[in-house]
Amino acid sequence: MKNKAKGNIFNRIKRRHIILIIAVLVGSVVVWQRAGSRDKTVTTGEVKRGNVYEEMVLSGKINADEYVSLSYPVSGKVAWVGVREGDKVKKGQALGKLDTVSLNAAYQQALANLRAAEATVENVHDQVKDNDNDETFAQKDTRTTAEVAKDKAYEAVKIAQDNLRNATIYSPFDGIVTSVSAPFAGINVVAGEKHFEVINPKTIYFEVIADQTEVVRLKEGQKAYIILDAYPQEEMTGTISFISFTPLPGEVGTSYKIKINFTSGIDLDLNKFRVGMGGDVKFILSSAENVLFLPSRFIKSDSNGKYVNLGKRNNKVYVETGLEGEDVVEIKSGLKEGDIVYN
């Protein structure tokens, strides 16, 4: 009796395990079927009539034709600064000046050296003036050495003169001062470092780079639509003003610079639009007006051509397509306006 009771207990446990396994399997099938039904969500599209545009979109940034960094040609101490960041300046206006005491001293010393060299040359010429036809090698060496010393002294005067004159930096065009690295007198500066930055906002343009397959589809005067990353809701218009004939150096592949002048939507306010701001520009390459079109995701293809599922799923109808836009495709034949297609 005990063994029989144990057997009944084991049988009930086995049956429970079997029922549990079956329940798990049934639950898995239901979950799988539901997941499958979600993956097979049906979407529909309608054939409509309108315009289809073939577009090209390139990325670029704002630049300016008149945009320059200015520096002092020599190191020295700043004696005077006449502008601050944000100031408007005129062409030829002085921006800053170095202390000229040492520069003037160098200029005067160079003049003195030149006068001494000139005197030496005159003396040597006087010594050999009667030996034009029988000048010895020693006399020629003395004369040449004196003349070379005079030439070097003259060049030193020109350099000192340029350094003295260029101790003052002037704006090369009308514009706005965007950077002053040494804004106070008494600051020591190093030659060649950027000290002033000036930009003419009226010369701002949008610059893009196109590869050799893209540049051949663009032309000067072509309209463009620009959206800056900083202002994604504002579309500005422009026209291509320049396409480089030679490729840009240092670029991977063959790339060409394209300049686009703004024609609307920009007020040249540097508090809003700044050099270096990036964005995208769209070009309309071709268009088809008043044609049938369909979202491109509904158009499939096989070995026989392009087709859609018309009216229901798996009902293939082959179509002839035309111009392909960014999201839609022109339908030339095979469908009519108002037709419903399935994915």
Protein backbone atom coordinates (compact mmCIF):
# COMPACT_ATOMS: atom_id res chain seq x y z
CA MET A 1 0.00 0.00 0.00
CA LYS A 2 2.82 2.39 0.78
CA ASN A 3 4.48 1.74 -2.58
CA LYS A 4 1.17 2.33 -4.38
CA ALA A 5 0.67 5.62 -2.54
CA LYS A 6 4.13 6.74 -3.49
CA GLY A 7 3.44 5.84 -7.12
CA ASN A 8 0.28 7.96 -7.10
CA ILE A 9 2.16 10.89 -5.65
CA PHE A 10 4.88 10.60 -8.33
CA ASN A 11 2.26 10.37 -11.08
CA ARG A 12 0.51 13.51 -9.86
CA ILE A 13 3.86 15.37 -9.78
CA LYS A 14 4.65 14.23 -13.36
CA ARG A 15 1.24 15.30 -14.59
CA ARG A 16 1.72 18.72 -12.99
CA HIS A 17 5.12 19.07 -14.71
CA ILE A 18 3.63 18.10 -18.07
CA ILE A 19 0.74 20.56 -17.65
CA LEU A 20 3.21 23.30 -16.68
CA ILE A 21 5.42 22.61 -19.71
CA ILE A 22 2.40 22.67 -22.04
CA ALA A 23 1.25 25.97 -20.51
CA VAL A 24 4.73 27.49 -21.04
CA LEU A 25 4.78 26.31 -24.66
CA VAL A 26 1.30 27.69 -25.34
CA GLY A 27 2.30 31.03 -23.77
CA SER A 28 5.44 31.16 -25.91
CA VAL A 29 3.44 30.53 -29.08
CA VAL A 30 0.98 33.28 -28.18
CA VAL A 31 3.79 35.76 -27.50
CA TRP A 32 5.52 34.77 -30.76
CA GLN A 33 2.29 35.19 -32.73
CA ARG A 34 1.65 38.60 -31.19
CA ALA A 35 5.23 39.68 -31.89
CA GLY A 36 4.86 38.44 -35.46
CA SER A 37 1.65 40.36 -35.90
CA ARG A 38 3.36 43.53 -34.70
CA ASP A 39 6.22 43.01 -37.18
CA LYS A 40 3.72 42.63 -40.00
CA THR A 41 1.93 45.94 -39.45
CA VAL A 42 0.33 46.97 -42.69
CA THR A 43 0.71 50.55 -43.94
CA THR A 44 -0.94 52.08 -46.95
CA GLY A 45 -0.19 54.94 -49.27
CA GLU A 46 -2.19 56.92 -51.78
CA VAL A 47 -1.17 57.92 -55.29
CA LYS A 48 -1.35 61.71 -55.44
CA ARG A 49 -0.74 64.46 -57.98
CA GLY A 50 1.71 67.29 -57.50
CA ASN A 51 5.33 68.32 -58.05
CA VAL A 52 8.39 66.13 -57.61
CA TYR A 53 11.84 67.64 -57.11
CA GLU A 54 15.25 66.04 -57.45
CA GLU A 55 17.43 67.60 -54.79
CA MET A 56 21.07 67.68 -53.74
CA VAL A 57 21.92 68.52 -50.14
CA LEU A 58 25.45 69.53 -49.10
CA SER A 59 26.84 70.60 -45.75
CA GLY A 60 28.90 73.75 -45.29
CA LYS A 61 29.58 76.79 -43.14
CA ILE A 62 29.49 80.59 -43.12
CA ASN A 63 32.62 82.40 -44.32
CA ALA A 64 33.42 85.90 -45.54
CA ASP A 65 35.44 87.37 -48.41
CA GLU A 66 36.72 90.24 -46.27
CA TYR A 67 37.82 88.52 -43.09
CA VAL A 68 41.37 88.99 -41.85
CA SER A 69 43.66 88.47 -38.87
CA LEU A 70 46.21 91.27 -38.37
CA SER A 71 49.50 91.14 -36.47
CA TYR A 72 52.48 93.38 -35.73
CA PRO A 73 55.54 92.60 -37.87
CA VAL A 74 57.91 92.85 -34.90
CA SER A 75 57.78 92.09 -31.21
CA GLY A 76 57.40 95.00 -28.83
CA LYS A 77 55.31 96.83 -26.27
CA VAL A 78 51.84 98.09 -27.13
CA ALA A 79 51.74 101.88 -26.85
CA TRP A 80 48.13 102.48 -27.88
CA VAL A 81 44.93 100.57 -28.70
CA GLY A 82 42.22 102.48 -30.53
CA VAL A 83 39.40 99.94 -30.79
CA ARG A 84 37.49 97.36 -28.79
CA GLU A 85 35.77 94.17 -29.85
CA GLY A 86 32.51 94.98 -31.60
CA ASP A 87 33.59 98.42 -32.82
CA LYS A 88 32.81 99.41 -36.39
CA VAL A 89 35.85 100.62 -38.31
CA LYS A 90 36.56 102.30 -41.64
CA LYS A 91 39.13 101.30 -44.22
CA GLY A 92 42.51 102.76 -43.22
CA GLN A 93 41.51 103.42 -39.61
CA ALA A 94 44.30 102.85 -37.06
CA LEU A 95 43.61 99.95 -34.70
CA GLY A 96 46.70 99.90 -32.49
CA LYS A 97 50.34 100.96 -32.28
CA LEU A 98 53.58 99.67 -30.79
CA ASP A 99 56.04 101.79 -28.86
CA THR A 100 58.40 103.21 -31.52
CA VAL A 101 61.35 104.36 -29.40
CA SER A 102 63.43 101.25 -30.07
CA LEU A 103 62.11 100.93 -33.63
CA ASN A 104 63.10 104.52 -34.42
CA ALA A 105 66.53 103.96 -32.84
CA ALA A 106 67.02 100.92 -35.08
CA TYR A 107 66.01 103.00 -38.09
CA GLN A 108 68.45 105.79 -37.24
CA GLN A 109 71.23 103.27 -36.71
CA ALA A 110 70.49 101.70 -40.07
CA LEU A 111 70.69 105.15 -41.72
CA ALA A 112 74.05 105.79 -40.05
CA ASN A 113 75.39 102.44 -41.25
CA LEU A 114 74.24 103.27 -44.77
CA ARG A 115 76.02 106.64 -44.72
CA ALA A 116 79.23 104.95 -43.57
CA ALA A 117 78.95 102.31 -46.28
CA GLU A 118 78.36 104.98 -48.93
CA ALA A 119 81.46 106.86 -47.77
CA THR A 120 83.54 103.68 -47.99
CA VAL A 121 82.30 102.98 -51.52
CA GLU A 122 83.11 106.54 -52.63
CA ASN A 123 86.60 106.23 -51.16
CA VAL A 124 87.26 102.91 -52.89
CA HIS A 125 85.90 104.20 -56.20
CA ASP A 126 88.21 107.21 -55.93
CA GLN A 127 91.16 104.87 -55.41
CA VAL A 128 90.47 102.75 -58.49
CA LYS A 129 88.97 105.39 -60.79
CA ASP A 130 91.96 105.36 -63.11
CA ASN A 131 92.12 101.59 -63.32
CA ASP A 132 88.96 100.84 -65.28
CA ASN A 133 90.86 98.83 -67.90
CA ASP A 134 93.60 97.33 -65.71
CA GLU A 135 91.90 96.79 -62.34
CA THR A 136 93.75 94.16 -60.31
CA PHE A 137 92.03 91.30 -58.57
CA ALA A 138 92.82 92.87 -55.21
CA GLN A 139 91.30 96.17 -56.27
CA LYS A 140 88.21 94.40 -57.59
CA ASP A 141 87.86 92.51 -54.31
CA THR A 142 88.08 95.72 -52.28
CA ARG A 143 85.59 97.53 -54.51
CA THR A 144 83.11 94.65 -54.55
CA THR A 145 83.27 94.21 -50.78
CA ALA A 146 82.52 97.89 -50.25
CA GLU A 147 79.63 97.87 -52.72
CA VAL A 148 78.07 94.75 -51.16
CA ALA A 149 78.33 96.33 -47.71
CA LYS A 150 76.52 99.39 -49.04
CA ASP A 151 73.75 97.21 -50.55
CA LYS A 152 73.27 95.38 -47.26
CA ALA A 153 73.13 98.66 -45.37
CA TYR A 154 70.49 99.95 -47.78
CA GLU A 155 68.34 96.82 -47.28
CA ALA A 156 68.68 97.19 -43.51
CA VAL A 157 67.36 100.76 -43.80
CA LYS A 158 64.33 99.55 -45.77
CA ILE A 159 63.57 96.87 -43.18
CA ALA A 160 63.91 99.29 -40.28
CA GLN A 161 61.75 101.80 -42.13
CA ASP A 162 59.03 99.19 -42.75
CA ASN A 163 59.11 98.07 -39.12
CA LEU A 164 58.70 101.65 -37.98
CA ARG A 165 55.88 102.33 -40.42
CA ASN A 166 54.11 99.03 -39.65
CA ALA A 167 54.21 99.63 -35.92
CA THR A 168 50.69 100.94 -36.48
CA ILE A 169 48.07 98.47 -37.69
CA TYR A 170 45.32 99.77 -39.98
CA SER A 171 42.04 98.18 -41.01
CA PRO A 172 42.24 97.05 -44.67
CA PHE A 173 38.47 97.52 -45.23
CA ASP A 174 35.24 98.72 -43.62
CA GLY A 175 34.01 96.23 -41.06
CA ILE A 176 33.64 95.17 -37.45
CA VAL A 177 36.42 94.32 -35.00
CA THR A 178 35.72 90.80 -33.74
CA SER A 179 38.90 90.16 -31.74
CA VAL A 180 41.54 92.21 -29.88
CA SER A 181 44.14 89.98 -28.22
CA ALA A 182 46.08 92.82 -26.52
CA PRO A 183 43.42 95.39 -25.54
CA PHE A 184 45.60 97.52 -23.23
CA ALA A 185 48.75 99.63 -23.57
CA GLY A 186 51.88 98.29 -21.93
CA ILE A 187 51.36 94.67 -22.99
CA ASN A 188 54.30 92.98 -24.68
CA VAL A 189 53.37 91.19 -27.90
CA VAL A 190 55.16 88.74 -30.16
CA ALA A 191 55.58 89.27 -33.88
CA GLY A 192 53.28 87.19 -36.07
CA GLU A 193 50.67 86.44 -33.42
CA LYS A 194 47.06 87.49 -34.14
CA HIS A 195 46.36 90.83 -32.48
CA PHE A 196 43.27 92.10 -34.31
CA GLU A 197 40.53 90.38 -36.28
CA VAL A 198 38.26 92.34 -38.63
CA ILE A 199 35.35 91.18 -40.74
CA ASN A 200 33.11 92.91 -43.24
CA PRO A 201 29.66 91.38 -42.62
CA LYS A 202 28.46 92.55 -46.03
CA THR A 203 30.77 89.97 -47.62
CA ILE A 204 29.40 86.96 -45.72
CA TYR A 205 28.66 83.89 -47.85
CA PHE A 206 27.91 80.19 -47.35
CA GLU A 207 30.67 77.81 -48.40
CA VAL A 208 30.25 74.14 -49.34
CA ILE A 209 32.52 71.47 -50.75
CA ALA A 210 31.31 69.27 -53.63
CA ASP A 211 33.01 66.21 -55.09
CA GLN A 212 33.55 65.72 -58.80
CA THR A 213 30.24 63.89 -59.31
CA GLU A 214 28.29 66.66 -57.57
CA VAL A 215 30.00 69.78 -58.91
CA VAL A 216 29.14 68.94 -62.53
CA ARG A 217 25.44 69.23 -61.68
CA LEU A 218 25.75 72.75 -60.30
CA LYS A 219 26.23 76.08 -62.06
CA GLU A 220 26.77 79.74 -61.20
CA GLY A 221 23.53 81.64 -60.60
CA GLN A 222 21.73 78.49 -59.43
CA LYS A 223 19.31 79.04 -56.53
CA ALA A 224 20.01 77.48 -53.16
CA TYR A 225 18.09 77.04 -49.91
CA ILE A 226 20.13 77.29 -46.71
CA ILE A 227 19.27 76.15 -43.19
CA LEU A 228 21.80 76.81 -40.43
CA ASP A 229 22.13 74.32 -37.57
CA ALA A 230 21.72 77.19 -35.10
CA TYR A 231 18.39 78.25 -36.67
CA PRO A 232 16.74 75.06 -37.97
CA GLN A 233 13.35 76.76 -38.46
CA GLU A 234 14.68 79.54 -40.72
CA GLU A 235 15.22 78.86 -44.41
CA MET A 236 17.35 81.42 -46.26
CA THR A 237 17.84 81.69 -49.99
CA GLY A 238 21.00 82.26 -51.96
CA THR A 239 22.63 81.84 -55.35
CA ILE A 240 25.87 80.20 -56.39
CA SER A 241 28.38 82.98 -57.09
CA PHE A 242 31.54 80.92 -57.61
CA ILE A 243 32.57 77.34 -58.40
CA SER A 244 36.31 76.66 -58.22
CA PHE A 245 37.90 75.33 -61.39
CA THR A 246 40.72 73.55 -59.56
CA PRO A 247 40.27 71.05 -56.69
CA LEU A 248 41.01 71.97 -53.11
CA PRO A 249 44.46 70.90 -51.89
CA GLY A 250 44.68 68.47 -49.01
CA GLU A 251 41.15 67.10 -49.41
CA VAL A 252 40.45 63.37 -49.54
CA GLY A 253 39.33 62.74 -53.12
CA THR A 254 38.69 65.46 -55.68
CA SER A 255 36.67 68.26 -54.08
CA TYR A 256 35.74 71.76 -55.21
CA LYS A 257 34.83 74.92 -53.31
CA ILE A 258 31.44 76.51 -53.97
CA LYS A 259 30.43 79.98 -52.73
CA ILE A 260 26.77 80.88 -52.20
CA ASN A 261 25.78 84.51 -51.69
CA PHE A 262 22.83 85.13 -49.40
CA THR A 263 19.94 86.85 -51.18
CA SER A 264 17.33 86.89 -48.40
CA GLY A 265 16.68 85.86 -44.84
CA ILE A 266 19.90 87.25 -43.34
CA ASP A 267 20.28 90.69 -41.80
CA LEU A 268 24.08 90.51 -41.49
CA ASP A 269 23.85 90.81 -37.70
CA LEU A 270 27.01 89.25 -36.29
CA ASN A 271 25.25 88.72 -32.98
CA LYS A 272 23.18 86.15 -34.83
CA PHE A 273 25.19 85.00 -37.84
CA ARG A 274 28.85 84.25 -37.27
CA VAL A 275 31.72 82.93 -39.35
CA GLY A 276 32.08 79.19 -38.92
CA MET A 277 28.39 78.43 -38.29
CA GLY A 278 27.47 75.20 -40.05
CA GLY A 279 24.37 74.10 -41.88
CA ASP A 280 22.96 72.45 -44.98
CA VAL A 281 22.18 73.85 -48.41
CA LYS A 282 19.66 72.32 -50.80
CA PHE A 283 19.80 72.62 -54.59
CA ILE A 284 16.89 71.76 -56.90
CA LEU A 285 18.51 69.82 -59.75
CA SER A 286 15.36 69.01 -61.75
CA SER A 287 11.59 68.96 -61.30
CA ALA A 288 8.45 67.34 -62.67
CA GLU A 289 5.26 69.37 -62.21
CA ASN A 290 1.65 68.16 -61.95
CA VAL A 291 2.58 64.48 -62.04
CA LEU A 292 1.48 61.38 -60.14
CA PHE A 293 3.75 60.42 -57.27
CA LEU A 294 4.00 57.93 -54.47
CA PRO A 295 6.21 57.65 -51.33
CA SER A 296 9.31 55.75 -52.35
CA ARG A 297 8.96 53.18 -49.52
CA PHE A 298 5.98 51.56 -51.29
CA ILE A 299 7.89 50.84 -54.49
CA LYS A 300 9.57 47.43 -54.65
CA SER A 301 11.58 45.76 -57.38
CA ASP A 302 12.32 42.27 -58.66
CA SER A 303 13.87 40.77 -61.76
CA ASN A 304 10.93 41.96 -63.86
CA GLY A 305 11.09 45.59 -62.75
CA LYS A 306 9.51 47.91 -60.22
CA TYR A 307 6.11 47.13 -58.70
CA VAL A 308 3.64 48.06 -55.97
CA ASN A 309 1.06 46.09 -54.04
CA LEU A 310 -2.15 47.62 -55.39
CA GLY A 311 -5.37 47.45 -53.37
CA LYS A 312 -4.13 44.69 -51.10
CA ARG A 313 -1.00 42.92 -50.01
CA ASN A 314 0.82 40.62 -52.44
CA ASN A 315 -1.06 42.04 -55.44
CA LYS A 316 1.85 42.99 -57.67
CA VAL A 317 1.29 45.69 -60.26
CA TYR A 318 4.33 46.76 -62.25
CA VAL A 319 4.83 50.50 -62.73
CA GLU A 320 7.03 52.86 -64.71
CA THR A 321 8.76 55.43 -62.54
CA GLY A 322 10.31 58.78 -63.42
CA LEU A 323 11.97 61.47 -61.36
CA GLU A 324 13.05 60.40 -57.87
CA GLY A 325 12.78 63.00 -55.14
CA GLU A 326 14.00 62.84 -51.55
CA ASP A 327 10.95 60.91 -50.27
CA VAL A 328 8.65 60.46 -53.29
CA VAL A 329 8.91 59.01 -56.81
CA GLU A 330 7.13 60.08 -59.98
CA ILE A 331 4.74 57.43 -61.37
CA LYS A 332 4.59 57.55 -65.17
CA SER A 333 2.30 54.56 -65.77
CA GLY A 334 0.60 51.65 -64.06
CA LEU A 335 -1.37 53.63 -61.47
CA LYS A 336 -3.95 56.39 -61.34
CA GLU A 337 -4.59 59.19 -58.87
CA GLY A 338 -6.28 57.97 -55.71
CA ASP A 339 -5.05 54.35 -55.93
CA ILE A 340 -4.20 52.77 -52.56
CA VAL A 341 -1.06 50.70 -52.27
CA TYR A 342 0.22 48.45 -49.48
CA ASN A 343 3.67 47.86 -48.12
